């Protein structure tokens, strides 16, 4: 499966993408160090200009209309699967999936119109990927989940990008991308 380059998408769309991911990081009322670190990594990976990166890091509050409009734009750019996977990884960055994050992820699922079964595949994959400690010693059940996720993504022509996070741990993330 070839992973597209999200940096080929317009900078305004990448800015919106990251602004909304940043909102997710702070939806529980606290921006944990690991969440800030992951958001900063995403900003660099999506090659945002410095002024837009600064705006993302201000973590502005977005109302439901702004969010809905943003999700529609993300969907029109075919970024929704990568976006939701990045949101899930971000939600788990501090080690917890808070109630407010769960509610927000459910709204995201409804707004970007990802089928519920697909949404659950993304969540299950992200949870499994984040449970891997050593890519050389993966639990057989975890490997089964990962293999089936990749098979599903290929067969369903799911659009994922090189810059999408498959796991919070960078070495695990890279290992999974190489396994595609």
Protein backbone atom coordinates (compact mmCIF):
# COMPACT_ATOMS: atom_id res chain seq x y z
CA UNK A 1 0.00 0.00 0.00
CA UNK A 2 1.48 3.31 -1.02
CA UNK A 3 1.14 6.12 1.44
CA UNK A 4 0.44 9.46 -0.20
CA UNK A 5 2.27 12.64 0.82
CA UNK A 6 -0.05 14.96 2.73
CA UNK A 7 2.31 17.83 1.98
CA UNK A 8 0.94 17.79 -1.56
CA UNK A 9 -2.35 19.06 -0.08
CA UNK A 10 -2.85 22.85 0.16
CA UNK A 11 -1.21 24.48 3.17
CA UNK A 12 -4.58 25.86 4.36
CA UNK A 13 -5.97 22.32 4.55
CA UNK A 14 -2.92 21.11 6.47
CA UNK A 15 -3.28 24.09 8.83
CA UNK A 16 -6.93 23.26 9.45
CA UNK A 17 -6.04 19.58 9.92
CA UNK A 18 -3.49 20.42 12.61
CA UNK A 19 -5.62 23.09 14.23
CA UNK A 20 -8.34 20.52 14.74
CA UNK A 21 -5.87 17.89 15.99
CA UNK A 22 -4.59 20.51 18.46
CA UNK A 23 -8.11 21.13 19.62
CA UNK A 24 -8.46 17.40 20.25
CA UNK A 25 -5.28 17.43 22.30
CA UNK A 26 -6.72 20.07 24.61
CA UNK A 27 -10.36 18.93 24.70
CA UNK A 28 -9.85 17.26 28.08
CA UNK A 29 -8.86 20.65 29.52
CA UNK A 30 -5.18 19.80 29.81
CA UNK A 31 -2.38 19.74 27.26
CA UNK A 32 -0.06 17.02 28.48
CA UNK A 33 3.66 17.18 27.61
CA UNK A 34 3.35 14.08 25.39
CA UNK A 35 0.41 15.64 23.52
CA UNK A 36 2.32 18.88 22.94
CA UNK A 37 5.35 16.90 21.77
CA UNK A 38 3.22 14.89 19.32
CA UNK A 39 1.47 18.02 18.03
CA UNK A 40 4.84 19.73 17.50
CA UNK A 41 6.07 16.66 15.62
CA UNK A 42 2.95 16.74 13.43
CA UNK A 43 3.48 20.44 12.68
CA UNK A 44 7.02 19.72 11.50
CA UNK A 45 5.94 16.67 9.52
CA UNK A 46 3.19 18.59 7.73
CA UNK A 47 5.66 21.38 6.96
CA UNK A 48 3.58 24.28 8.19
CA UNK A 49 5.08 27.75 7.87
CA UNK A 50 6.18 29.22 11.19
CA UNK A 51 3.30 31.71 11.47
CA UNK A 52 0.69 28.97 10.98
CA UNK A 53 2.55 26.64 13.35
CA UNK A 54 2.37 29.34 16.02
CA UNK A 55 -1.39 29.66 15.44
CA UNK A 56 -1.85 25.90 15.85
CA UNK A 57 0.07 25.93 19.13
CA UNK A 58 -2.19 28.68 20.52
CA UNK A 59 -4.90 25.98 20.59
CA UNK A 60 -7.85 28.22 19.82
CA UNK A 61 -11.27 27.03 20.92
CA UNK A 62 -13.40 26.01 17.98
CA UNK A 63 -17.17 26.03 18.12
CA UNK A 64 -19.31 23.26 16.62
CA UNK A 65 -19.92 25.20 13.39
CA UNK A 66 -16.18 25.74 12.85
CA UNK A 67 -15.51 22.10 13.56
CA UNK A 68 -18.24 20.88 11.24
CA UNK A 69 -16.99 23.13 8.44
CA UNK A 70 -13.44 21.90 9.03
CA UNK A 71 -14.52 18.28 8.90
CA UNK A 72 -16.33 18.90 5.64
CA UNK A 73 -13.14 20.37 4.16
CA UNK A 74 -11.08 17.44 5.46
CA UNK A 75 -13.55 15.04 3.90
CA UNK A 76 -13.51 16.91 0.59
CA UNK A 77 -9.70 16.53 0.52
CA UNK A 78 -10.04 12.77 1.32
CA UNK A 79 -8.06 13.22 4.54
CA UNK A 80 -10.68 11.78 6.90
CA UNK A 81 -9.11 8.38 7.62
CA UNK A 82 -5.66 9.79 8.34
CA UNK A 83 -7.22 12.59 10.33
CA UNK A 84 -9.26 10.27 12.54
CA UNK A 85 -6.28 7.97 13.06
CA UNK A 86 -4.14 10.97 14.07
CA UNK A 87 -6.90 12.10 16.42
CA UNK A 88 -7.07 8.69 18.05
CA UNK A 89 -3.28 8.57 18.50
CA UNK A 90 -3.37 12.12 19.91
CA UNK A 91 -6.18 11.20 22.30
CA UNK A 92 -4.07 8.33 23.63
CA UNK A 93 -0.83 10.35 23.80
CA UNK A 94 -1.19 11.08 27.50
CA UNK A 95 -1.90 7.42 28.23
CA UNK A 96 -5.62 7.91 28.78
CA UNK A 97 -8.69 8.17 26.61
CA UNK A 98 -10.70 10.72 28.59
CA UNK A 99 -14.50 10.86 28.49
CA UNK A 100 -14.46 14.23 26.73
CA UNK A 101 -12.11 12.75 24.11
CA UNK A 102 -14.43 9.78 23.59
CA UNK A 103 -17.37 12.13 23.05
CA UNK A 104 -15.32 14.23 20.65
CA UNK A 105 -14.16 11.17 18.68
CA UNK A 106 -17.79 10.06 18.35
CA UNK A 107 -18.69 13.51 16.98
CA UNK A 108 -15.77 13.34 14.56
CA UNK A 109 -16.95 9.96 13.35
CA UNK A 110 -20.40 11.40 12.66
CA UNK A 111 -19.10 14.59 11.03
CA UNK A 112 -16.58 13.03 8.64
CA UNK A 113 -19.03 10.25 7.83
CA UNK A 114 -16.65 7.36 8.31
CA UNK A 115 -18.71 4.17 8.59
CA UNK A 116 -18.83 2.94 12.18
CA UNK A 117 -17.14 -0.36 11.32
CA UNK A 118 -14.26 1.58 9.72
CA UNK A 119 -14.05 3.86 12.75
CA UNK A 120 -13.81 0.84 15.04
CA UNK A 121 -11.07 -0.63 12.82
CA UNK A 122 -9.07 2.59 13.26
CA UNK A 123 -9.56 2.61 17.03
CA UNK A 124 -8.70 -1.07 17.43
CA UNK A 125 -5.63 -0.71 15.24
CA UNK A 126 -4.43 2.39 17.15
CA UNK A 127 -4.90 0.68 20.51
CA UNK A 128 -3.05 -2.40 19.30
CA UNK A 129 -0.23 -0.37 17.72
CA UNK A 130 0.23 1.62 20.91
CA UNK A 131 0.47 -1.60 22.94
CA UNK A 132 3.53 -2.80 20.99
CA UNK A 133 6.74 -2.37 22.94
CA UNK A 134 9.23 -4.20 20.71
CA UNK A 135 8.64 -4.61 16.96
CA UNK A 136 10.85 -7.72 17.01
CA UNK A 137 8.65 -9.39 19.60
CA UNK A 138 5.01 -8.66 18.74
CA UNK A 139 2.31 -10.68 20.41
CA UNK A 140 0.69 -12.98 17.82
CA UNK A 141 -2.77 -11.50 18.47
CA UNK A 142 -1.43 -7.98 17.97
CA UNK A 143 0.24 -9.09 14.73
CA UNK A 144 -3.07 -10.58 13.61
CA UNK A 145 -4.86 -7.26 14.25
CA UNK A 146 -2.19 -5.32 12.39
CA UNK A 147 -2.18 -7.71 9.42
CA UNK A 148 -5.97 -7.55 9.17
CA UNK A 149 -5.96 -3.76 9.42
CA UNK A 150 -3.52 -3.47 6.52
CA UNK A 151 -5.49 -6.00 4.49
CA UNK A 152 -8.71 -4.07 5.14
CA UNK A 153 -7.04 -0.74 4.30
CA UNK A 154 -5.69 -2.08 1.00
CA UNK A 155 -8.90 -3.81 -0.04
CA UNK A 156 -11.07 -0.84 0.92
CA UNK A 157 -8.71 1.66 -0.74
CA UNK A 158 -8.41 3.62 2.49
CA UNK A 159 -6.41 6.80 1.92
CA UNK A 160 -3.61 7.12 4.50
CA UNK A 161 -0.61 9.42 4.34
CA UNK A 162 3.10 9.04 5.08
CA UNK A 163 2.70 11.60 7.85
CA UNK A 164 -0.22 9.81 9.54
CA UNK A 165 0.71 8.42 12.94
CA UNK A 166 0.18 4.68 13.28
CA UNK A 167 1.60 4.66 16.82
CA UNK A 168 2.84 7.25 19.27
CA UNK A 169 6.23 5.55 19.58
CA UNK A 170 8.30 6.70 16.60
CA UNK A 171 10.15 3.41 16.08
CA UNK A 172 6.90 1.40 16.22
CA UNK A 173 5.27 3.92 13.87
CA UNK A 174 8.08 3.52 11.34
CA UNK A 175 8.07 -0.26 11.70
CA UNK A 176 4.34 -0.38 10.93
CA UNK A 177 4.74 1.87 7.89
CA UNK A 178 7.52 -0.38 6.60
CA UNK A 179 5.24 -3.41 7.08
CA UNK A 180 2.70 -2.01 4.64
